Amino acid sequence: MKARILDRADVLKIVDLLRQQGYEVVAPFYGRGRDTFFDTVTDQNRDRIQIHLPNPYYPPKRFVFPHIERLMKFERSDGQIHIEPVYEQPKRAIFGIRSCDLAGIYHLDRFYLGREFRDVYYENHRKNLFLVNVVCSDVDRDINDECFCVCTDTGPAARDHFDLQLMDLGSEFMAVAGTPAGEALFADPIFRKGEAAHIEKRHAILDELRKRFKTTTSWFSATVRYVTQGDILEKTWEEIGNRCLECGGCTYVCPACTCFTVSDRPIGPNEFERVRVWDACALSGFTRMAGGHNPRKAVHDRRNRRFFRKLAHFFIQRELAMACVGCGRCAAVCHGDIGMPSVVEMIRRATGEVDKHERASH
């Protein structure tokens, strides 16, 4: 990977370069209070783009996997049904995507494109996507209490799967190219060659950053083992289920969740559309069958399934990583305090109690 240095004042010129190349650029902005969001860059809001800010709760995965997406349109006329697939192929760049969300999109890549069947709708959104990763280097703004990317090995600085990565070194930024498309930007005069001191400063900043995360746990690997082997006590799953309000919030803010449902709906007297919409295993209708039977009616069964899907070895082996990127959004939005860090800790405590009783019995 090649790296270059640019002045702080020139960082947003990268947005200008991408827009000149025909990209629709989306970037992070501040709303009111804690509210932050990704939005399309225009001439009017370009100067309000934020490099450092709390990660928006609504993940940018929606730009490759929309919350609601039309798949096809049906029209009935003269006794005939005409079916028209709907494909969107936007040329889009996400500026300021954090390392955890970058890992989330790569997880979606492996799910939708990395196996025997490829999702053409996802592929169309993904093929022209340019990703500008920003390293979370501002402890006060970038890193929340809930962040735990150091535990999932996804941050604070991504190692790959970006086109361009930016890291704040103070008065300057380091830009690292991850693809030929990212490297092509280095032809612009805003970029210059760096020195060994820049690399040393990058390493020093990252070493210090890793010490500043408040939510850390070394128990992920043990939790994966216990979930995979089915060693979690039923009462532990019931305790987790009793806390769940079945709102689906954890799924809707998760960068790595892939589930959706498909529905047909009328859009005119003789027109219909088929859409897919994000779905959530927390919702009672998720596993309900056509005849009305629901094999996972109890909420703790659905909680069980959620964490099995994210942590079991079968899925990790299939997708090369667990379906958790350490963004902490589930911990931030869950009213029942059963985000991923809390569940890992509950499993740790429950397993510790069992081990203690087993040792005492021998």
Protein backbone atom coordinates (compact mmCIF):
# COMPACT_ATOMS: atom_id res chain seq x y z
CA MET A 1 0.00 0.00 0.00
CA LYS A 2 1.25 3.48 -0.85
CA ALA A 3 0.90 6.38 1.55
CA ARG A 4 1.00 10.14 1.13
CA ILE A 5 0.70 13.21 3.34
CA LEU A 6 -1.65 16.17 2.89
CA ASP A 7 -2.39 19.31 4.87
CA ARG A 8 -5.43 19.45 7.13
CA ALA A 9 -6.85 22.29 5.05
CA ASP A 10 -6.82 20.08 1.95
CA VAL A 11 -8.70 17.06 3.33
CA LEU A 12 -12.11 18.07 1.97
CA LYS A 13 -10.56 18.55 -1.46
CA ILE A 14 -10.71 14.75 -1.67
CA VAL A 15 -14.50 15.12 -1.64
CA ASP A 16 -14.20 17.64 -4.46
CA LEU A 17 -12.01 15.28 -6.49
CA LEU A 18 -14.51 12.47 -6.12
CA ARG A 19 -17.44 14.68 -7.08
CA GLN A 20 -15.53 15.84 -10.16
CA GLN A 21 -15.15 12.16 -11.13
CA GLY A 22 -18.93 11.77 -11.10
CA TYR A 23 -19.39 10.21 -7.67
CA GLU A 24 -22.35 10.98 -5.46
CA VAL A 25 -20.46 11.55 -2.22
CA VAL A 26 -22.08 10.89 1.15
CA ALA A 27 -20.34 12.09 4.30
CA PRO A 28 -20.98 12.50 8.03
CA PHE A 29 -22.65 15.60 9.48
CA TYR A 30 -23.76 16.84 12.87
CA GLY A 31 -27.46 17.23 13.64
CA ARG A 32 -28.77 18.42 16.98
CA GLY A 33 -27.24 17.23 20.22
CA ARG A 34 -25.68 13.76 19.82
CA ASP A 35 -27.41 13.23 16.47
CA THR A 36 -25.03 12.52 13.62
CA PHE A 37 -25.85 11.20 10.17
CA PHE A 38 -24.57 10.46 6.66
CA ASP A 39 -25.99 12.63 3.91
CA THR A 40 -25.28 13.52 0.29
CA VAL A 41 -22.69 16.27 -0.14
CA THR A 42 -23.85 19.35 -2.01
CA ASP A 43 -22.31 22.74 -2.72
CA GLN A 44 -24.39 24.11 0.16
CA ASN A 45 -23.36 21.65 2.89
CA ARG A 46 -19.83 20.71 1.76
CA ASP A 47 -18.14 22.92 4.38
CA ARG A 48 -20.14 21.28 7.20
CA ILE A 49 -18.67 17.80 6.65
CA GLN A 50 -17.21 16.42 9.87
CA ILE A 51 -13.98 14.45 10.06
CA HIS A 52 -14.35 13.64 13.75
CA LEU A 53 -17.73 12.98 15.36
CA PRO A 54 -19.61 10.19 17.15
CA ASN A 55 -20.37 7.42 14.69
CA PRO A 56 -23.96 7.77 13.35
CA TYR A 57 -26.33 5.15 14.78
CA TYR A 58 -27.90 4.51 11.37
CA PRO A 59 -25.14 2.51 9.66
CA PRO A 60 -23.88 3.43 6.19
CA LYS A 61 -24.47 -0.17 5.06
CA ARG A 62 -27.79 1.15 3.74
CA PHE A 63 -25.93 2.60 0.77
CA VAL A 64 -25.16 -0.94 -0.44
CA PHE A 65 -28.07 -2.74 1.23
CA PRO A 66 -30.98 -0.25 1.35
CA HIS A 67 -33.47 -0.45 4.21
CA ILE A 68 -36.29 -0.65 1.66
CA GLU A 69 -35.46 -1.59 -1.92
CA ARG A 70 -37.65 -2.22 -4.97
CA LEU A 71 -36.69 -5.46 -6.69
CA MET A 72 -39.19 -5.50 -9.54
CA LYS A 73 -42.41 -3.95 -10.81
CA PHE A 74 -45.50 -5.77 -12.13
CA GLU A 75 -48.05 -4.25 -14.47
CA ARG A 76 -51.32 -5.90 -15.50
CA SER A 77 -52.80 -4.85 -18.85
CA ASP A 78 -54.82 -6.58 -21.58
CA GLY A 79 -54.94 -9.75 -19.54
CA GLN A 80 -51.15 -9.94 -19.44
CA ILE A 81 -48.67 -9.53 -16.59
CA HIS A 82 -45.55 -7.57 -17.46
CA ILE A 83 -42.60 -7.94 -15.07
CA GLU A 84 -39.82 -5.37 -15.04
CA PRO A 85 -36.78 -5.93 -12.78
CA VAL A 86 -35.45 -2.74 -11.22
CA TYR A 87 -31.68 -2.38 -10.99
CA GLU A 88 -29.88 0.61 -9.54
CA GLN A 89 -26.19 1.15 -10.26
CA PRO A 90 -25.21 4.34 -8.46
CA LYS A 91 -21.66 5.66 -8.64
CA ARG A 92 -21.25 6.54 -4.99
CA ALA A 93 -18.44 7.31 -2.55
CA ILE A 94 -18.73 7.14 1.23
CA PHE A 95 -16.37 9.67 2.77
CA GLY A 96 -15.60 9.27 6.47
CA ILE A 97 -16.70 5.68 6.96
CA ARG A 98 -15.32 4.28 10.22
CA SER A 99 -13.31 1.08 10.39
CA CYS A 100 -16.10 -0.88 12.09
CA ASP A 101 -18.58 0.03 9.34
CA LEU A 102 -15.97 -0.81 6.72
CA ALA A 103 -15.71 -4.28 8.28
CA GLY A 104 -19.51 -4.47 8.21
CA ILE A 105 -19.63 -3.85 4.45
CA TYR A 106 -16.91 -6.43 3.88
CA HIS A 107 -19.00 -8.88 5.90
CA LEU A 108 -21.97 -8.15 3.61
CA ASP A 109 -19.66 -8.70 0.62
CA ARG A 110 -18.82 -12.19 1.84
CA PHE A 111 -22.45 -12.98 2.56
CA TYR A 112 -24.04 -11.66 -0.64
CA LEU A 113 -21.18 -12.12 -3.11
CA GLY A 114 -18.75 -14.62 -1.65
CA ARG A 115 -20.61 -17.89 -2.05
CA GLU A 116 -22.27 -19.94 -4.78
CA PHE A 117 -25.12 -17.44 -5.30
CA ARG A 118 -24.51 -13.74 -5.89
CA ASP A 119 -27.15 -11.14 -5.07
CA VAL A 120 -27.40 -9.01 -8.21
CA TYR A 121 -29.08 -6.11 -6.39
CA TYR A 122 -26.34 -5.90 -3.79
CA GLU A 123 -23.70 -6.34 -6.49
CA ASN A 124 -25.05 -3.39 -8.45
CA HIS A 125 -24.83 -1.13 -5.41
CA ARG A 126 -21.36 -2.41 -4.52
CA LYS A 127 -19.57 -2.40 -7.88
CA ASN A 128 -19.19 1.39 -8.16
CA LEU A 129 -18.69 2.15 -4.46
CA PHE A 130 -15.60 4.12 -3.37
CA LEU A 131 -14.79 3.92 0.34
CA VAL A 132 -12.80 6.60 2.19
CA ASN A 133 -12.05 5.26 5.66
CA VAL A 134 -11.26 7.69 8.49
CA VAL A 135 -9.32 6.29 11.45
CA CYS A 136 -10.96 6.98 14.81
CA SER A 137 -8.15 9.02 16.35
CA ASP A 138 -10.05 11.68 18.36
CA VAL A 139 -10.74 10.09 21.74
CA ASP A 140 -13.32 12.69 22.75
CA ARG A 141 -15.42 12.56 19.59
CA ASP A 142 -14.71 9.38 17.63
CA ILE A 143 -14.64 6.82 20.43
CA ASN A 144 -17.80 6.34 22.51
CA ASP A 145 -18.11 4.43 25.77
CA GLU A 146 -19.75 1.56 23.86
CA CYS A 147 -17.05 1.12 21.19
CA PHE A 148 -15.19 -2.20 21.34
CA CYS A 149 -13.60 -2.60 17.89
CA VAL A 150 -10.30 -3.52 19.57
CA CYS A 151 -12.02 -6.71 20.78
CA THR A 152 -13.23 -7.71 17.31
CA ASP A 153 -9.98 -6.73 15.57
CA THR A 154 -11.68 -4.25 13.26
CA GLY A 155 -10.28 -0.93 14.47
CA PRO A 156 -9.56 1.79 15.32
CA ALA A 157 -7.61 1.64 12.03
CA ALA A 158 -8.74 -0.75 9.30
CA ARG A 159 -5.99 -2.79 7.67
CA ASP A 160 -7.72 -3.31 4.33
CA HIS A 161 -10.96 -3.23 2.30
CA PHE A 162 -10.85 0.55 1.78
CA ASP A 163 -9.98 2.53 -1.32
CA LEU A 164 -8.42 5.33 0.67
CA GLN A 165 -7.74 5.69 4.38
CA LEU A 166 -7.21 8.99 6.19
CA MET A 167 -5.55 9.37 9.57
CA ASP A 168 -5.29 12.62 11.50
CA LEU A 169 -1.69 13.29 12.57
CA GLY A 170 -2.38 16.80 13.88
CA SER A 171 -1.58 19.53 11.38
CA GLU A 172 -1.38 16.91 8.64
CA PHE A 173 -3.23 13.79 7.51
CA MET A 174 -1.77 10.54 6.28
CA ALA A 175 -3.56 9.03 3.28
CA VAL A 176 -3.12 5.32 2.55
CA ALA A 177 -4.27 3.83 -0.74
CA GLY A 178 -5.90 0.40 -0.52
CA THR A 179 -6.82 -0.03 -4.21
CA PRO A 180 -5.62 1.26 -7.59
CA ALA A 181 -8.62 3.64 -7.60
CA GLY A 182 -7.46 5.12 -4.31
CA GLU A 183 -3.86 5.36 -5.48
CA ALA A 184 -4.96 7.22 -8.60
CA LEU A 185 -5.97 10.17 -6.40
CA PHE A 186 -2.31 10.63 -5.42
CA ALA A 187 -1.70 12.22 -8.81
CA ASP A 188 -3.30 15.40 -7.44
CA PRO A 189 -0.81 17.96 -6.06
CA ILE A 190 -2.50 18.10 -2.64
CA PHE A 191 -0.65 14.85 -1.85
CA ARG A 192 3.07 14.67 -1.14
CA LYS A 193 5.48 12.01 -0.03
CA GLY A 194 5.89 11.46 3.67
CA GLU A 195 8.85 10.72 5.89
CA ALA A 196 9.72 8.06 8.43
CA ALA A 197 8.62 10.46 11.17
CA HIS A 198 5.04 10.35 9.84
CA ILE A 199 4.93 6.56 10.11
CA GLU A 200 6.38 6.68 13.63
CA LYS A 201 3.74 9.21 14.63
CA ARG A 202 0.97 7.03 13.20
CA HIS A 203 2.18 4.04 15.22
CA ALA A 204 2.48 6.12 18.40
CA ILE A 205 -1.07 7.48 18.02
CA LEU A 206 -2.52 4.00 17.43
CA ASP A 207 -0.65 2.54 20.41
CA GLU A 208 -2.11 5.23 22.65
CA LEU A 209 -5.60 4.94 21.15
CA ARG A 210 -5.89 1.24 21.93
CA LYS A 211 -5.44 2.04 25.62
CA ARG A 212 -8.35 4.51 25.66
CA PHE A 213 -11.26 2.16 24.96
CA LYS A 214 -13.54 1.74 27.96
CA THR A 215 -15.37 -1.39 26.75
CA THR A 216 -12.92 -4.25 26.36
CA THR A 217 -13.25 -7.96 26.85
CA SER A 218 -10.89 -10.82 26.13
CA TRP A 219 -13.77 -13.27 26.46
CA PHE A 220 -14.98 -13.24 22.87
CA SER A 221 -13.04 -16.35 21.89
CA ALA A 222 -14.36 -18.26 24.91
CA THR A 223 -17.90 -17.12 24.14
CA VAL A 224 -17.53 -18.36 20.57
CA ARG A 225 -16.48 -21.75 21.92
CA TYR A 226 -19.36 -22.02 24.40
CA VAL A 227 -21.96 -20.87 21.86
CA THR A 228 -20.62 -23.27 19.22
CA GLN A 229 -20.63 -26.24 21.60
CA GLY A 230 -24.10 -25.44 22.93
CA ASP A 231 -22.77 -25.04 26.47
CA ILE A 232 -24.76 -21.91 27.33
CA LEU A 233 -27.23 -22.68 30.10
CA GLU A 234 -30.91 -22.39 29.23
CA LYS A 235 -31.45 -20.10 32.21
CA THR A 236 -28.82 -17.73 30.78
CA TRP A 237 -30.69 -17.51 27.48
CA GLU A 238 -33.94 -17.01 29.41
CA GLU A 239 -32.38 -14.16 31.39
CA ILE A 240 -31.25 -12.52 28.14
CA GLY A 241 -34.69 -13.10 26.60
CA ASN A 242 -36.49 -11.60 29.60
CA ARG A 243 -34.61 -8.36 29.05
CA CYS A 244 -35.49 -8.14 25.35
CA LEU A 245 -38.27 -5.74 24.35
CA GLU A 246 -38.45 -7.21 20.82
CA CYS A 247 -37.97 -3.79 19.26
CA GLY A 248 -35.44 -4.97 16.67
CA GLY A 249 -33.24 -1.95 17.33
CA CYS A 250 -30.07 -4.02 17.68
CA THR A 251 -30.56 -5.46 14.21
CA TYR A 252 -31.47 -2.20 12.52
CA VAL A 253 -28.30 -0.46 13.74
CA CYS A 254 -25.99 -3.45 13.17
CA PRO A 255 -23.56 -3.05 10.23
CA ALA A 256 -23.26 -6.83 9.83
CA CYS A 257 -26.88 -8.05 9.94
CA THR A 258 -28.08 -9.40 6.60
CA CYS A 259 -31.70 -10.50 7.12
CA PHE A 260 -34.60 -9.17 5.07
CA THR A 261 -38.16 -10.03 4.16
CA VAL A 262 -39.83 -9.68 0.74
CA SER A 263 -43.29 -8.21 0.19
CA ASP A 264 -45.53 -7.40 -2.78
CA ARG A 265 -47.66 -4.26 -2.59
CA PRO A 266 -49.90 -2.23 -4.93
CA ILE A 267 -48.62 1.10 -6.22
CA GLY A 268 -51.48 1.85 -8.64
CA PRO A 269 -54.75 0.44 -10.01
CA ASN A 270 -52.91 -2.18 -12.10
CA GLU A 271 -49.36 -1.83 -10.82
CA PHE A 272 -47.54 -3.66 -8.07
CA GLU A 273 -43.99 -3.73 -6.78
CA ARG A 274 -41.91 -6.29 -4.96
CA VAL A 275 -39.70 -4.84 -2.26
CA ARG A 276 -37.29 -6.22 0.26
CA VAL A 277 -37.11 -4.69 3.71
CA TRP A 278 -34.68 -5.24 6.56
CA ASP A 279 -36.01 -7.82 9.01
CA ALA A 280 -34.92 -8.79 12.52
CA CYS A 281 -34.66 -12.09 14.35
CA ALA A 282 -35.88 -10.27 17.46
CA LEU A 283 -39.32 -9.83 15.93
CA SER A 284 -41.92 -12.51 16.64
CA GLY A 285 -42.95 -12.89 13.00
CA PHE A 286 -39.42 -13.54 11.76
CA THR A 287 -39.67 -17.35 12.00
CA ARG A 288 -43.44 -17.69 11.67
CA MET A 289 -44.36 -20.15 8.95
CA ALA A 290 -47.14 -19.87 6.36
CA GLY A 291 -49.46 -22.13 8.39
CA GLY A 292 -49.04 -19.97 11.48
CA HIS A 293 -46.65 -22.24 13.39
CA ASN A 294 -43.68 -20.43 14.93
CA PRO A 295 -40.78 -22.72 15.94
CA ARG A 296 -39.13 -19.84 17.81
CA LYS A 297 -42.11 -18.28 19.54
CA ALA A 298 -40.34 -17.76 22.87
CA VAL A 299 -38.26 -14.59 22.83
CA HIS A 300 -35.24 -16.25 24.41
CA ASP A 301 -35.17 -18.70 21.50
CA ARG A 302 -34.83 -15.76 19.12
CA ARG A 303 -32.13 -14.15 21.28
CA ASN A 304 -30.38 -17.51 21.29
CA ARG A 305 -30.53 -17.58 17.50
CA ARG A 306 -29.19 -14.04 17.13
CA PHE A 307 -26.04 -14.69 19.11
CA PHE A 308 -25.59 -18.17 17.64
CA ARG A 309 -25.71 -16.58 14.17
CA LYS A 310 -23.11 -14.00 15.13
CA LEU A 311 -20.72 -16.12 17.15
CA ALA A 312 -21.01 -19.82 16.22
CA HIS A 313 -17.99 -21.36 14.54
CA PHE A 314 -20.02 -22.62 11.55
CA PHE A 315 -20.83 -19.06 10.44
CA ILE A 316 -17.37 -17.74 11.29
CA GLN A 317 -15.87 -20.47 9.13
CA ARG A 318 -18.29 -19.74 6.29
CA GLU A 319 -17.87 -15.96 6.34
CA LEU A 320 -14.30 -15.76 7.73
CA ALA A 321 -15.26 -13.59 10.68
CA MET A 322 -17.92 -13.35 13.36
CA ALA A 323 -20.86 -11.14 12.45
CA CYS A 324 -19.94 -8.44 14.96
CA VAL A 325 -17.66 -5.53 14.14
CA GLY A 326 -17.41 -3.91 17.57
CA CYS A 327 -19.22 -0.67 16.72
CA GLY A 328 -21.16 -0.72 20.00
CA ARG A 329 -24.42 0.47 18.46
CA CYS A 330 -26.39 -2.47 19.89
CA ALA A 331 -25.15 -1.57 23.37
CA ALA A 332 -26.08 2.09 22.83
CA VAL A 333 -29.66 1.52 21.61
CA CYS A 334 -30.75 -1.53 23.66
CA HIS A 335 -33.17 -0.62 26.46
CA GLY A 336 -32.65 -4.04 28.06
CA ASP A 337 -28.84 -3.84 28.17
CA ILE A 338 -28.29 -6.98 26.10
CA GLY A 339 -25.95 -5.56 23.51
CA MET A 340 -23.05 -7.76 22.53
CA PRO A 341 -20.60 -6.68 25.30
CA SER A 342 -23.24 -7.27 28.00
CA VAL A 343 -24.17 -10.71 26.62
CA VAL A 344 -20.52 -11.76 26.49
CA GLU A 345 -20.15 -10.67 30.13
CA MET A 346 -23.34 -12.48 31.18
CA ILE A 347 -22.08 -15.68 29.55
CA ARG A 348 -18.71 -15.23 31.24
CA ARG A 349 -20.30 -14.87 34.68
CA ALA A 350 -22.72 -17.77 34.18
CA THR A 351 -19.96 -20.06 32.93
CA GLY A 352 -17.73 -19.03 35.82
CA GLU A 353 -20.42 -20.00 38.30
CA VAL A 354 -20.85 -23.42 36.68
CA ASP A 355 -17.10 -24.02 36.71
CA LYS A 356 -16.94 -23.02 40.36
CA HIS A 357 -19.73 -25.44 41.35
CA GLU A 358 -18.14 -28.26 39.32
CA ARG A 359 -14.79 -27.76 41.04
CA ALA A 360 -16.46 -27.72 44.43
CA SER A 361 -18.25 -31.02 43.70
CA HIS A 362 -15.03 -32.92 42.95
